[in-house]
Amino acid sequence: MIAILVILGVLASIAVPKYYDITREAQNRAALQAVTEGKARLSLQYARLFLENGTPPGAASLVDAVGASTGVGDYNLNLATVDTLTIKINATGKSGVMGVNSGVWLLPK
């Protein structure tokens, strides 16, 4: 009887942390999907502004067009210009969602 409890305790001590690691990884991958959605929005706005104005937009005007802070599903995106050609995208989970991820979007040359 005690041996069974010891075995169950050992299995639980291995399984529970693994479950939390898998959950955290899944949330971070979902945040990466939100970053990918942010990149798609930037690409779409870049094309729209280029067609409307006849000249390529700068990073700052592109962030203004998309919105410096916007939501994608369970995640909030924060867009910030790094320099004239680079926009950084940070995704953080909304209430109760722990995933985070980030990426950069480069303006076409």
PDB file of N, CA and C in Angstrom:
ATOM      1  N   MET A   1       0.818  -1.192   0.000  1.00  0.00           N
ATOM      2  CA  MET A   1       0.000   0.000   0.000  1.00  0.00           C
ATOM      3  C   MET A   1       0.866   1.262   0.000  1.00  0.00           C
ATOM      4  N   ILE A   2       1.866   1.281   0.863  1.00  0.00           N
ATOM      5  CA  ILE A   2       2.747   2.446   0.930  1.00  0.00           C
ATOM      6  C   ILE A   2       3.554   2.563  -0.362  1.00  0.00           C
ATOM      7  N   ALA A   3       3.937   1.420  -0.935  1.00  0.00           N
ATOM      8  CA  ALA A   3       4.701   1.440  -2.186  1.00  0.00           C
ATOM      9  C   ALA A   3       3.878   2.071  -3.303  1.00  0.00           C
ATOM     10  N   ILE A   4       2.584   1.784  -3.319  1.00  0.00           N
ATOM     11  CA  ILE A   4       1.706   2.363  -4.337  1.00  0.00           C
ATOM     12  C   ILE A   4       1.625   3.881  -4.154  1.00  0.00           C
ATOM     13  N   LEU A   5       1.502   4.327  -2.920  1.00  0.00           N
ATOM     14  CA  LEU A   5       1.455   5.767  -2.646  1.00  0.00           C
ATOM     15  C   LEU A   5       2.762   6.452  -3.035  1.00  0.00           C
ATOM     16  N   VAL A   6       3.875   5.803  -2.785  1.00  0.00           N
ATOM     17  CA  VAL A   6       5.171   6.366  -3.159  1.00  0.00           C
ATOM     18  C   VAL A   6       5.282   6.477  -4.674  1.00  0.00           C
ATOM     19  N   ILE A   7       4.866   5.429  -5.370  1.00  0.00           N
ATOM     20  CA  ILE A   7       4.897   5.438  -6.840  1.00  0.00           C
ATOM     21  C   ILE A   7       3.995   6.540  -7.375  1.00  0.00           C
ATOM     22  N   LEU A   8       2.799   6.677  -6.836  1.00  0.00           N
ATOM     23  CA  LEU A   8       1.885   7.739  -7.273  1.00  0.00           C
ATOM     24  C   LEU A   8       2.466   9.123  -6.975  1.00  0.00           C
ATOM     25  N   GLY A   9       3.116   9.266  -5.836  1.00  0.00           N
ATOM     26  CA  GLY A   9       3.741  10.540  -5.495  1.00  0.00           C
ATOM     27  C   GLY A   9       4.862  10.899  -6.458  1.00  0.00           C
ATOM     28  N   VAL A  10       5.659   9.919  -6.827  1.00  0.00           N
ATOM     29  CA  VAL A  10       6.756  10.154  -7.774  1.00  0.00           C
ATOM     30  C   VAL A  10       6.191  10.516  -9.141  1.00  0.00           C
ATOM     31  N   LEU A  11       5.186   9.796  -9.590  1.00  0.00           N
ATOM     32  CA  LEU A  11       4.566  10.100 -10.884  1.00  0.00           C
ATOM     33  C   LEU A  11       3.955  11.499 -10.891  1.00  0.00           C
ATOM     34  N   ALA A  12       3.299  11.865  -9.805  1.00  0.00           N
ATOM     35  CA  ALA A  12       2.695  13.197  -9.722  1.00  0.00           C
ATOM     36  C   ALA A  12       3.763  14.282  -9.712  1.00  0.00           C
ATOM     37  N   SER A  13       4.885  14.024  -9.034  1.00  0.00           N
ATOM     38  CA  SER A  13       5.947  15.029  -8.988  1.00  0.00           C
ATOM     39  C   SER A  13       6.594  15.236 -10.358  1.00  0.00           C
ATOM     40  N   ILE A  14       6.479  14.269 -11.232  1.00  0.00           N
ATOM     41  CA  ILE A  14       7.001  14.402 -12.593  1.00  0.00           C
ATOM     42  C   ILE A  14       5.942  14.992 -13.524  1.00  0.00           C
ATOM     43  N   ALA A  15       4.707  14.547 -13.399  1.00  0.00           N
ATOM     44  CA  ALA A  15       3.652  14.926 -14.337  1.00  0.00           C
ATOM     45  C   ALA A  15       3.176  16.372 -14.161  1.00  0.00           C
ATOM     46  N   VAL A  16       3.042  16.833 -12.942  1.00  0.00           N
ATOM     47  CA  VAL A  16       2.492  18.178 -12.706  1.00  0.00           C
ATOM     48  C   VAL A  16       3.403  19.269 -13.278  1.00  0.00           C
ATOM     49  N   PRO A  17       4.701  19.274 -12.997  1.00  0.00           N
ATOM     50  CA  PRO A  17       5.552  20.311 -13.609  1.00  0.00           C
ATOM     51  C   PRO A  17       5.562  20.220 -15.141  1.00  0.00           C
ATOM     52  N   LYS A  18       5.540  19.005 -15.664  1.00  0.00           N
ATOM     53  CA  LYS A  18       5.516  18.829 -17.122  1.00  0.00           C
ATOM     54  C   LYS A  18       4.242  19.429 -17.713  1.00  0.00           C
ATOM     55  N   TYR A  19       3.119  19.241 -17.031  1.00  0.00           N
ATOM     56  CA  TYR A  19       1.848  19.821 -17.488  1.00  0.00           C
ATOM     57  C   TYR A  19       1.948  21.340 -17.547  1.00  0.00           C
ATOM     58  N   TYR A  20       2.521  21.959 -16.516  1.00  0.00           N
ATOM     59  CA  TYR A  20       2.639  23.417 -16.500  1.00  0.00           C
ATOM     60  C   TYR A  20       3.588  23.906 -17.590  1.00  0.00           C
ATOM     61  N   ASP A  21       4.672  23.152 -17.849  1.00  0.00           N
ATOM     62  CA  ASP A  21       5.595  23.527 -18.925  1.00  0.00           C
ATOM     63  C   ASP A  21       4.903  23.466 -20.286  1.00  0.00           C
ATOM     64  N   ILE A  22       4.127  22.428 -20.507  1.00  0.00           N
ATOM     65  CA  ILE A  22       3.412  22.280 -21.775  1.00  0.00           C
ATOM     66  C   ILE A  22       2.371  23.379 -21.932  1.00  0.00           C
ATOM     67  N   THR A  23       1.681  23.715 -20.860  1.00  0.00           N
ATOM     68  CA  THR A  23       0.686  24.789 -20.902  1.00  0.00           C
ATOM     69  C   THR A  23       1.340  26.125 -21.209  1.00  0.00           C
ATOM     70  N   ARG A  24       2.455  26.422 -20.551  1.00  0.00           N
ATOM     71  CA  ARG A  24       3.169  27.682 -20.788  1.00  0.00           C
ATOM     72  C   ARG A  24       3.675  27.752 -22.230  1.00  0.00           C
ATOM     73  N   GLU A  25       4.212  26.651 -22.728  1.00  0.00           N
ATOM     74  CA  GLU A  25       4.696  26.615 -24.107  1.00  0.00           C
ATOM     75  C   GLU A  25       3.556  26.847 -25.097  1.00  0.00           C
ATOM     76  N   ALA A  26       2.404  26.253 -24.840  1.00  0.00           N
ATOM     77  CA  ALA A  26       1.246  26.454 -25.723  1.00  0.00           C
ATOM     78  C   ALA A  26       0.791  27.910 -25.715  1.00  0.00           C
ATOM     79  N   GLN A  27       0.794  28.540 -24.549  1.00  0.00           N
ATOM     80  CA  GLN A  27       0.401  29.949 -24.473  1.00  0.00           C
ATOM     81  C   GLN A  27       1.414  30.846 -25.182  1.00  0.00           C
ATOM     82  N   ASN A  28       2.690  30.529 -25.071  1.00  0.00           N
ATOM     83  CA  ASN A  28       3.707  31.315 -25.772  1.00  0.00           C
ATOM     84  C   ASN A  28       3.606  31.130 -27.282  1.00  0.00           C
ATOM     85  N   ARG A  29       3.250  29.940 -27.725  1.00  0.00           N
ATOM     86  CA  ARG A  29       3.047  29.714 -29.161  1.00  0.00           C
ATOM     87  C   ARG A  29       1.806  30.459 -29.654  1.00  0.00           C
ATOM     88  N   ALA A  30       0.787  30.525 -28.837  1.00  0.00           N
ATOM     89  CA  ALA A  30      -0.399  31.307 -29.201  1.00  0.00           C
ATOM     90  C   ALA A  30      -0.047  32.785 -29.280  1.00  0.00           C
ATOM     91  N   ALA A  31       0.817  33.250 -28.387  1.00  0.00           N
ATOM     92  CA  ALA A  31       1.276  34.638 -28.444  1.00  0.00           C
ATOM     93  C   ALA A  31       2.080  34.881 -29.716  1.00  0.00           C
ATOM     94  N   LEU A  32       2.843  33.882 -30.147  1.00  0.00           N
ATOM     95  CA  LEU A  32       3.582  34.005 -31.401  1.00  0.00           C
ATOM     96  C   LEU A  32       2.616  34.122 -32.581  1.00  0.00           C
ATOM     97  N   GLN A  33       1.498  33.422 -32.524  1.00  0.00           N
ATOM     98  CA  GLN A  33       0.467  33.563 -33.565  1.00  0.00           C
ATOM     99  C   GLN A  33      -0.084  34.983 -33.575  1.00  0.00           C
ATOM    100  N   ALA A  34      -0.243  35.576 -32.392  1.00  0.00           N
ATOM    101  CA  ALA A  34      -0.708  36.961 -32.316  1.00  0.00           C
ATOM    102  C   ALA A  34       0.326  37.906 -32.933  1.00  0.00           C
ATOM    103  N   VAL A  35       1.613  37.638 -32.712  1.00  0.00           N
ATOM    104  CA  VAL A  35       2.674  38.443 -33.328  1.00  0.00           C
ATOM    105  C   VAL A  35       2.596  38.305 -34.851  1.00  0.00           C
ATOM    106  N   THR A  36       2.368  37.094 -35.332  1.00  0.00           N
ATOM    107  CA  THR A  36       2.229  36.858 -36.772  1.00  0.00           C
ATOM    108  C   THR A  36       1.043  37.624 -37.331  1.00  0.00           C
ATOM    109  N   GLU A  37      -0.055  37.666 -36.594  1.00  0.00           N
ATOM    110  CA  GLU A  37      -1.217  38.455 -37.011  1.00  0.00           C
ATOM    111  C   GLU A  37      -0.861  39.937 -37.061  1.00  0.00           C
ATOM    112  N   GLY A  38      -0.076  40.411 -36.104  1.00  0.00           N
ATOM    113  CA  GLY A  38       0.377  41.800 -36.115  1.00  0.00           C
ATOM    114  C   GLY A  38       1.215  42.103 -37.346  1.00  0.00           C
ATOM    115  N   LYS A  39       2.081  41.168 -37.728  1.00  0.00           N
ATOM    116  CA  LYS A  39       2.893  41.345 -38.937  1.00  0.00           C
ATOM    117  C   LYS A  39       2.008  41.408 -40.176  1.00  0.00           C
ATOM    118  N   ALA A  40       0.981  40.574 -40.207  1.00  0.00           N
ATOM    119  CA  ALA A  40       0.056  40.596 -41.347  1.00  0.00           C
ATOM    120  C   ALA A  40      -0.680  41.930 -41.423  1.00  0.00           C
ATOM    121  N   ARG A  41      -1.094  42.457 -40.279  1.00  0.00           N
ATOM    122  CA  ARG A  41      -1.767  43.763 -40.259  1.00  0.00           C
ATOM    123  C   ARG A  41      -0.841  44.866 -40.747  1.00  0.00           C
ATOM    124  N   LEU A  42       0.424  44.808 -40.332  1.00  0.00           N
ATOM    125  CA  LEU A  42       1.389  45.805 -40.792  1.00  0.00           C
ATOM    126  C   LEU A  42       1.592  45.708 -42.304  1.00  0.00           C
ATOM    127  N   SER A  43       1.694  44.506 -42.821  1.00  0.00           N
ATOM    128  CA  SER A  43       1.865  44.323 -44.265  1.00  0.00           C
ATOM    129  C   SER A  43       0.672  44.867 -45.033  1.00  0.00           C
ATOM    130  N   LEU A  44      -0.512  44.582 -44.542  1.00  0.00           N
ATOM    131  CA  LEU A  44      -1.728  45.052 -45.203  1.00  0.00           C
ATOM    132  C   LEU A  44      -1.806  46.579 -45.194  1.00  0.00           C
ATOM    133  N   GLN A  45      -1.523  47.182 -44.054  1.00  0.00           N
ATOM    134  CA  GLN A  45      -1.562  48.641 -43.967  1.00  0.00           C
ATOM    135  C   GLN A  45      -0.458  49.285 -44.800  1.00  0.00           C
ATOM    136  N   TYR A  46       0.704  48.639 -44.847  1.00  0.00           N
ATOM    137  CA  TYR A  46       1.794  49.154 -45.680  1.00  0.00           C
ATOM    138  C   TYR A  46       1.343  49.224 -47.140  1.00  0.00           C
ATOM    139  N   ALA A  47       0.765  48.123 -47.633  1.00  0.00           N
ATOM    140  CA  ALA A  47       0.302  48.090 -49.025  1.00  0.00           C
ATOM    141  C   ALA A  47      -0.793  49.123 -49.261  1.00  0.00           C
ATOM    142  N   ARG A  48      -1.740  49.226 -48.330  1.00  0.00           N
ATOM    143  CA  ARG A  48      -2.839  50.181 -48.486  1.00  0.00           C
ATOM    144  C   ARG A  48      -2.325  51.616 -48.545  1.00  0.00           C
ATOM    145  N   LEU A  49      -1.448  51.970 -47.606  1.00  0.00           N
ATOM    146  CA  LEU A  49      -0.921  53.334 -47.579  1.00  0.00           C
ATOM    147  C   LEU A  49      -0.044  53.629 -48.802  1.00  0.00           C
ATOM    148  N   PHE A  50       0.718  52.648 -49.237  1.00  0.00           N
ATOM    149  CA  PHE A  50       1.556  52.825 -50.424  1.00  0.00           C
ATOM    150  C   PHE A  50       0.687  53.086 -51.653  1.00  0.00           C
ATOM    151  N   LEU A  51      -0.392  52.310 -51.802  1.00  0.00           N
ATOM    152  CA  LEU A  51      -1.284  52.492 -52.949  1.00  0.00           C
ATOM    153  C   LEU A  51      -2.033  53.821 -52.880  1.00  0.00           C
ATOM    154  N   GLU A  52      -2.470  54.211 -51.700  1.00  0.00           N
ATOM    155  CA  GLU A  52      -3.221  55.463 -51.555  1.00  0.00           C
ATOM    156  C   GLU A  52      -2.354  56.697 -51.774  1.00  0.00           C
ATOM    157  N   ASN A  53      -1.115  56.666 -51.258  1.00  0.00           N
ATOM    158  CA  ASN A  53      -0.273  57.860 -51.277  1.00  0.00           C
ATOM    159  C   ASN A  53       0.751  57.878 -52.408  1.00  0.00           C
ATOM    160  N   GLY A  54       1.017  56.717 -52.997  1.00  0.00           N
ATOM    161  CA  GLY A  54       2.008  56.652 -54.065  1.00  0.00           C
ATOM    162  C   GLY A  54       3.444  56.612 -53.577  1.00  0.00           C
ATOM    163  N   THR A  55       3.655  56.685 -52.282  1.00  0.00           N
ATOM    164  CA  THR A  55       4.993  56.578 -51.692  1.00  0.00           C
ATOM    165  C   THR A  55       4.924  55.620 -50.509  1.00  0.00           C
ATOM    166  N   PRO A  56       6.021  54.937 -50.230  1.00  0.00           N
ATOM    167  CA  PRO A  56       6.000  54.006 -49.095  1.00  0.00           C
ATOM    168  C   PRO A  56       5.896  54.750 -47.767  1.00  0.00           C
ATOM    169  N   PRO A  57       5.080  54.252 -46.851  1.00  0.00           N
ATOM    170  CA  PRO A  57       4.946  54.909 -45.546  1.00  0.00           C
ATOM    171  C   PRO A  57       6.166  54.624 -44.666  1.00  0.00           C
ATOM    172  N   GLY A  58       6.406  55.507 -43.730  1.00  0.00           N
ATOM    173  CA  GLY A  58       7.466  55.295 -42.750  1.00  0.00           C
ATOM    174  C   GLY A  58       6.961  54.428 -41.605  1.00  0.00           C
ATOM    175  N   ALA A  59       7.869  54.003 -40.768  1.00  0.00           N
ATOM    176  CA  ALA A  59       7.519  53.122 -39.649  1.00  0.00           C
ATOM    177  C   ALA A  59       6.533  53.790 -38.698  1.00  0.00           C
ATOM    178  N   ALA A  60       6.754  55.063 -38.394  1.00  0.00           N
ATOM    179  CA  ALA A  60       5.882  55.757 -37.439  1.00  0.00           C
ATOM    180  C   ALA A  60       4.460  55.898 -37.974  1.00  0.00           C
ATOM    181  N   SER A  61       4.320  56.267 -39.248  1.00  0.00           N
ATOM    182  CA  SER A  61       2.971  56.402 -39.807  1.00  0.00           C
ATOM    183  C   SER A  61       2.281  55.054 -39.934  1.00  0.00           C
ATOM    184  N   LEU A  62       3.056  54.007 -40.130  1.00  0.00           N
ATOM    185  CA  LEU A  62       2.485  52.658 -40.208  1.00  0.00           C
ATOM    186  C   LEU A  62       1.966  52.208 -38.844  1.00  0.00           C
ATOM    187  N   VAL A  63       2.725  52.496 -37.789  1.00  0.00           N
ATOM    188  CA  VAL A  63       2.270  52.164 -36.434  1.00  0.00           C
ATOM    189  C   VAL A  63       1.009  52.951 -36.110  1.00  0.00           C
ATOM    190  N   ASP A  64       0.959  54.206 -36.512  1.00  0.00           N
ATOM    191  CA  ASP A  64      -0.242  55.019 -36.289  1.00  0.00           C
ATOM    192  C   ASP A  64      -1.446  54.431 -37.013  1.00  0.00           C
ATOM    193  N   ALA A  65      -1.240  53.946 -38.238  1.00  0.00           N
ATOM    194  CA  ALA A  65      -2.342  53.397 -39.029  1.00  0.00           C
ATOM    195  C   ALA A  65      -2.889  52.112 -38.425  1.00  0.00           C
ATOM    196  N   VAL A  66      -2.008  51.261 -37.920  1.00  0.00           N
ATOM    197  CA  VAL A  66      -2.441  49.987 -37.328  1.00  0.00           C
ATOM    198  C   VAL A  66      -2.926  50.206 -35.902  1.00  0.00           C
ATOM    199  N   GLY A  67      -2.263  51.089 -35.179  1.00  0.00           N
ATOM    200  CA  GLY A  67      -2.569  51.336 -33.772  1.00  0.00           C
ATOM    201  C   GLY A  67      -1.429  50.815 -32.917  1.00  0.00           C
ATOM    202  N   ALA A  68      -0.895  51.656 -32.059  1.00  0.00           N
ATOM    203  CA  ALA A  68       0.240  51.255 -31.230  1.00  0.00           C
ATOM    204  C   ALA A  68      -0.141  50.156 -30.248  1.00  0.00           C
ATOM    205  N   SER A  69      -1.403  50.093 -29.884  1.00  0.00           N
ATOM    206  CA  SER A  69      -1.907  49.061 -28.976  1.00  0.00           C
ATOM    207  C   SER A  69      -3.193  48.518 -29.555  1.00  0.00           C
ATOM    208  N   THR A  70      -3.241  47.214 -29.756  1.00  0.00           N
ATOM    209  CA  THR A  70      -4.433  46.604 -30.342  1.00  0.00           C
ATOM    210  C   THR A  70      -4.575  45.185 -29.809  1.00  0.00           C
ATOM    211  N   GLY A  71      -5.742  44.631 -29.926  1.00  0.00           N
ATOM    212  CA  GLY A  71      -5.992  43.285 -29.444  1.00  0.00           C
ATOM    213  C   GLY A  71      -6.085  42.278 -30.571  1.00  0.00           C
ATOM    214  N   VAL A  72      -5.610  41.070 -30.290  1.00  0.00           N
ATOM    215  CA  VAL A  72      -5.727  39.936 -31.205  1.00  0.00           C
ATOM    216  C   VAL A  72      -6.130  38.738 -30.355  1.00  0.00           C
ATOM    217  N   GLY A  73      -7.389  38.369 -30.400  1.00  0.00           N
ATOM    218  CA  GLY A  73      -7.859  37.239 -29.610  1.00  0.00           C
ATOM    219  C   GLY A  73      -7.617  37.458 -28.128  1.00  0.00           C
ATOM    220  N   ASP A  74      -6.894  36.535 -27.503  1.00  0.00           N
ATOM    221  CA  ASP A  74      -6.597  36.608 -26.072  1.00  0.00           C
ATOM    222  C   ASP A  74      -5.345  37.414 -25.758  1.00  0.00           C
ATOM    223  N   TYR A  75      -4.820  38.132 -26.754  1.00  0.00           N
ATOM    224  CA  TYR A  75      -3.551  38.822 -26.585  1.00  0.00           C
ATOM    225  C   TYR A  75      -3.646  40.299 -26.944  1.00  0.00           C
ATOM    226  N   ASN A  76      -2.842  41.103 -26.261  1.00  0.00           N
ATOM    227  CA  ASN A  76      -2.685  42.518 -26.578  1.00  0.00           C
ATOM    228  C   ASN A  76      -1.380  42.678 -27.341  1.00  0.00           C
ATOM    229  N   LEU A  77      -1.442  43.418 -28.445  1.00  0.00           N
ATOM    230  CA  LEU A  77      -0.241  43.717 -29.213  1.00  0.00           C
ATOM    231  C   LEU A  77       0.177  45.152 -28.944  1.00  0.00           C
ATOM    232  N   ASN A  78       1.459  45.354 -28.726  1.00  0.00           N
ATOM    233  CA  ASN A  78       2.028  46.682 -28.607  1.00  0.00           C
ATOM    234  C   ASN A  78       3.064  46.832 -29.715  1.00  0.00           C
ATOM    235  N   LEU A  79       2.859  47.840 -30.554  1.00  0.00           N
ATOM    236  CA  LEU A  79       3.762  48.094 -31.668  1.00  0.00           C
ATOM    237  C   LEU A  79       4.587  49.333 -31.362  1.00  0.00           C
ATOM    238  N   ALA A  80       5.881  49.262 -31.628  1.00  0.00           N
ATOM    239  CA  ALA A  80       6.762  50.405 -31.379  1.00  0.00           C
ATOM    240  C   ALA A  80       7.827  50.458 -32.463  1.00  0.00           C
ATOM    241  N   THR A  81       8.137  51.666 -32.908  1.00  0.00           N
ATOM    242  CA  THR A  81       9.197  51.821 -33.896  1.00  0.00           C
ATOM    243  C   THR A  81      10.552  51.702 -33.203  1.00  0.00           C
ATOM    244  N   VAL A  82      11.424  50.925 -33.805  1.00  0.00           N
ATOM    245  CA  VAL A  82      12.790  50.782 -33.303  1.00  0.00           C
ATOM    246  C   VAL A  82      13.684  51.793 -34.021  1.00  0.00           C
ATOM    247  N   ASP A  83      13.525  51.854 -35.328  1.00  0.00           N
ATOM    248  CA  ASP A  83      14.198  52.855 -36.156  1.00  0.00           C
ATOM    249  C   ASP A  83      13.307  53.101 -37.374  1.00  0.00           C
ATOM    250  N   THR A  84      13.826  53.731 -38.404  1.00  0.00           N
ATOM    251  CA  THR A  84      12.985  54.102 -39.544  1.00  0.00           C
ATOM    252  C   THR A  84      12.518  52.902 -40.361  1.00  0.00           C
ATOM    253  N   LEU A  85      13.154  51.742 -40.191  1.00  0.00           N
ATOM    254  CA  LEU A  85      12.789  50.557 -40.971  1.00  0.00           C
ATOM    255  C   LEU A  85      12.285  49.385 -40.137  1.00  0.00           C
ATOM    256  N   THR A  86      12.263  49.514 -38.822  1.00  0.00           N
ATOM    257  CA  THR A  86      11.956  48.378 -37.951  1.00  0.00           C
ATOM    258  C   THR A  86      10.833  48.707 -36.979  1.00  0.00           C
ATOM    259  N   ILE A  87       9.881  47.786 -36.879  1.00  0.00           N
ATOM    260  CA  ILE A  87       8.792  47.897 -35.912  1.00  0.00           C
ATOM    261  C   ILE A  87       8.830  46.658 -35.021  1.00  0.00           C
ATOM    262  N   LYS A  88       8.861  46.867 -33.713  1.00  0.00           N
ATOM    263  CA  LYS A  88       8.858  45.755 -32.753  1.00  0.00           C
ATOM    264  C   LYS A  88       7.423  45.474 -32.329  1.00  0.00           C
ATOM    265  N   ILE A  89       7.081  44.196 -32.277  1.00  0.00           N
ATOM    266  CA  ILE A  89       5.745  43.753 -31.894  1.00  0.00           C
ATOM    267  C   ILE A  89       5.865  42.904 -30.635  1.00  0.00           C
ATOM    268  N   ASN A  90       5.176  43.306 -29.575  1.00  0.00           N
ATOM    269  CA  ASN A  90       5.131  42.533 -28.330  1.00  0.00           C
ATOM    270  C   ASN A  90       3.704  42.052 -28.116  1.00  0.00           C
ATOM    271  N   ALA A  91       3.560  40.761 -27.835  1.00  0.00           N
ATOM    272  CA  ALA A  91       2.251  40.183 -27.528  1.00  0.00           C
ATOM    273  C   ALA A  91       2.253  39.716 -26.081  1.00  0.00           C
ATOM    274  N   THR A  92       1.261  40.158 -25.317  1.00  0.00           N
ATOM    275  CA  THR A  92       1.091  39.722 -23.935  1.00  0.00           C
ATOM    276  C   THR A  92      -0.352  39.275 -23.752  1.00  0.00           C
ATOM    277  N   GLY A  93      -0.540  38.280 -22.935  1.00  0.00           N
ATOM    278  CA  GLY A  93      -1.865  37.740 -22.714  1.00  0.00           C
ATOM    279  C   GLY A  93      -2.779  38.701 -21.978  1.00  0.00           C
ATOM    280  N   LYS A  94      -4.056  38.654 -22.347  1.00  0.00           N
ATOM    281  CA  LYS A  94      -5.060  39.418 -21.611  1.00  0.00           C
ATOM    282  C   LYS A  94      -5.329  38.703 -20.296  1.00  0.00           C
ATOM    283  N   SER A  95      -6.258  39.181 -19.518  1.00  0.00           N
ATOM    284  CA  SER A  95      -6.503  38.659 -18.170  1.00  0.00           C
ATOM    285  C   SER A  95      -6.596  37.136 -18.141  1.00  0.00           C
ATOM    286  N   GLY A  96      -5.763  36.535 -17.319  1.00  0.00           N
ATOM    287  CA  GLY A  96      -5.779  35.094 -17.137  1.00  0.00           C
ATOM    288  C   GLY A  96      -4.936  34.321 -18.138  1.00  0.00           C
ATOM    289  N   VAL A  97      -4.447  34.948 -19.192  1.00  0.00           N
ATOM    290  CA  VAL A  97      -3.615  34.274 -20.187  1.00  0.00           C
ATOM    291  C   VAL A  97      -2.171  34.690 -19.943  1.00  0.00           C
ATOM    292  N   MET A  98      -1.289  33.720 -19.801  1.00  0.00           N
ATOM    293  CA  MET A  98       0.073  34.016 -19.385  1.00  0.00           C
ATOM    294  C   MET A  98       1.085  34.099 -20.524  1.00  0.00           C
ATOM    295  N   GLY A  99       0.709  33.803 -21.741  1.00  0.00           N
ATOM    296  CA  GLY A  99       1.665  33.751 -22.840  1.00  0.00           C
ATOM    297  C   GLY A  99       2.227  35.108 -23.225  1.00  0.00           C
ATOM    298  N   VAL A 100       3.499  35.124 -23.611  1.00  0.00           N
ATOM    299  CA  VAL A 100       4.160  36.329 -24.118  1.00  0.00           C
ATOM    300  C   VAL A 100       5.069  35.919 -25.277  1.00  0.00           C
ATOM    301  N   ASN A 101       5.247  36.841 -26.208  1.00  0.00           N
ATOM    302  CA  ASN A 101       6.169  36.622 -27.313  1.00  0.00           C
ATOM    303  C   ASN A 101       6.399  37.947 -28.004  1.00  0.00           C
ATOM    304  N   SER A 102       7.409  38.014 -28.845  1.00  0.00           N
ATOM    305  CA  SER A 102       7.682  39.252 -29.568  1.00  0.00           C
ATOM    306  C   SER A 102       8.339  38.941 -30.900  1.00  0.00           C
ATOM    307  N   GLY A 103       8.366  39.941 -31.748  1.00  0.00           N
ATOM    308  CA  GLY A 103       9.001  39.805 -33.048  1.00  0.00           C
ATOM    309  C   GLY A 103       9.204  41.186 -33.642  1.00  0.00           C
ATOM    310  N   VAL A 104       9.845  41.232 -34.798  1.00  0.00           N
ATOM    311  CA  VAL A 104      10.057  42.499 -35.487  1.00  0.00           C
ATOM    312  C   VAL A 104       9.523  42.395 -36.912  1.00  0.00           C
ATOM    313  N   TRP A 105       9.115  43.520 -37.437  1.00  0.00           N
ATOM    314  CA  TRP A 105       8.658  43.638 -38.826  1.00  0.00           C
ATOM    315  C   TRP A 105       9.512  44.698 -39.486  1.00  0.00           C
ATOM    316  N   LEU A 106      10.131  44.329 -40.600  1.00  0.00           N
ATOM    317  CA  LEU A 106      10.990  45.258 -41.317  1.00  0.00           C
ATOM    318  C   LEU A 106      10.263  45.815 -42.527  1.00  0.00           C
ATOM    319  N   LEU A 107      10.329  47.133 -42.706  1.00  0.00           N
ATOM    320  CA  LEU A 107       9.740  47.752 -43.877  1.00  0.00           C
ATOM    321  C   LEU A 107      10.500  47.307 -45.117  1.00  0.00           C
ATOM    322  N   PRO A 108       9.797  47.064 -46.206  1.00  0.00           N
ATOM    323  CA  PRO A 108      10.497  46.690 -47.439  1.00  0.00           C
ATOM    324  C   PRO A 108      11.405  47.828 -47.896  1.00  0.00           C
ATOM    325  N   LYS A 109      12.501  47.460 -48.517  1.00  0.00           N
ATOM    326  CA  LYS A 109      13.437  48.478 -49.013  1.00  0.00           C
ATOM    327  C   LYS A 109      13.158  48.776 -50.468  1.00  0.00           C
TER     328      LYS A 109
END
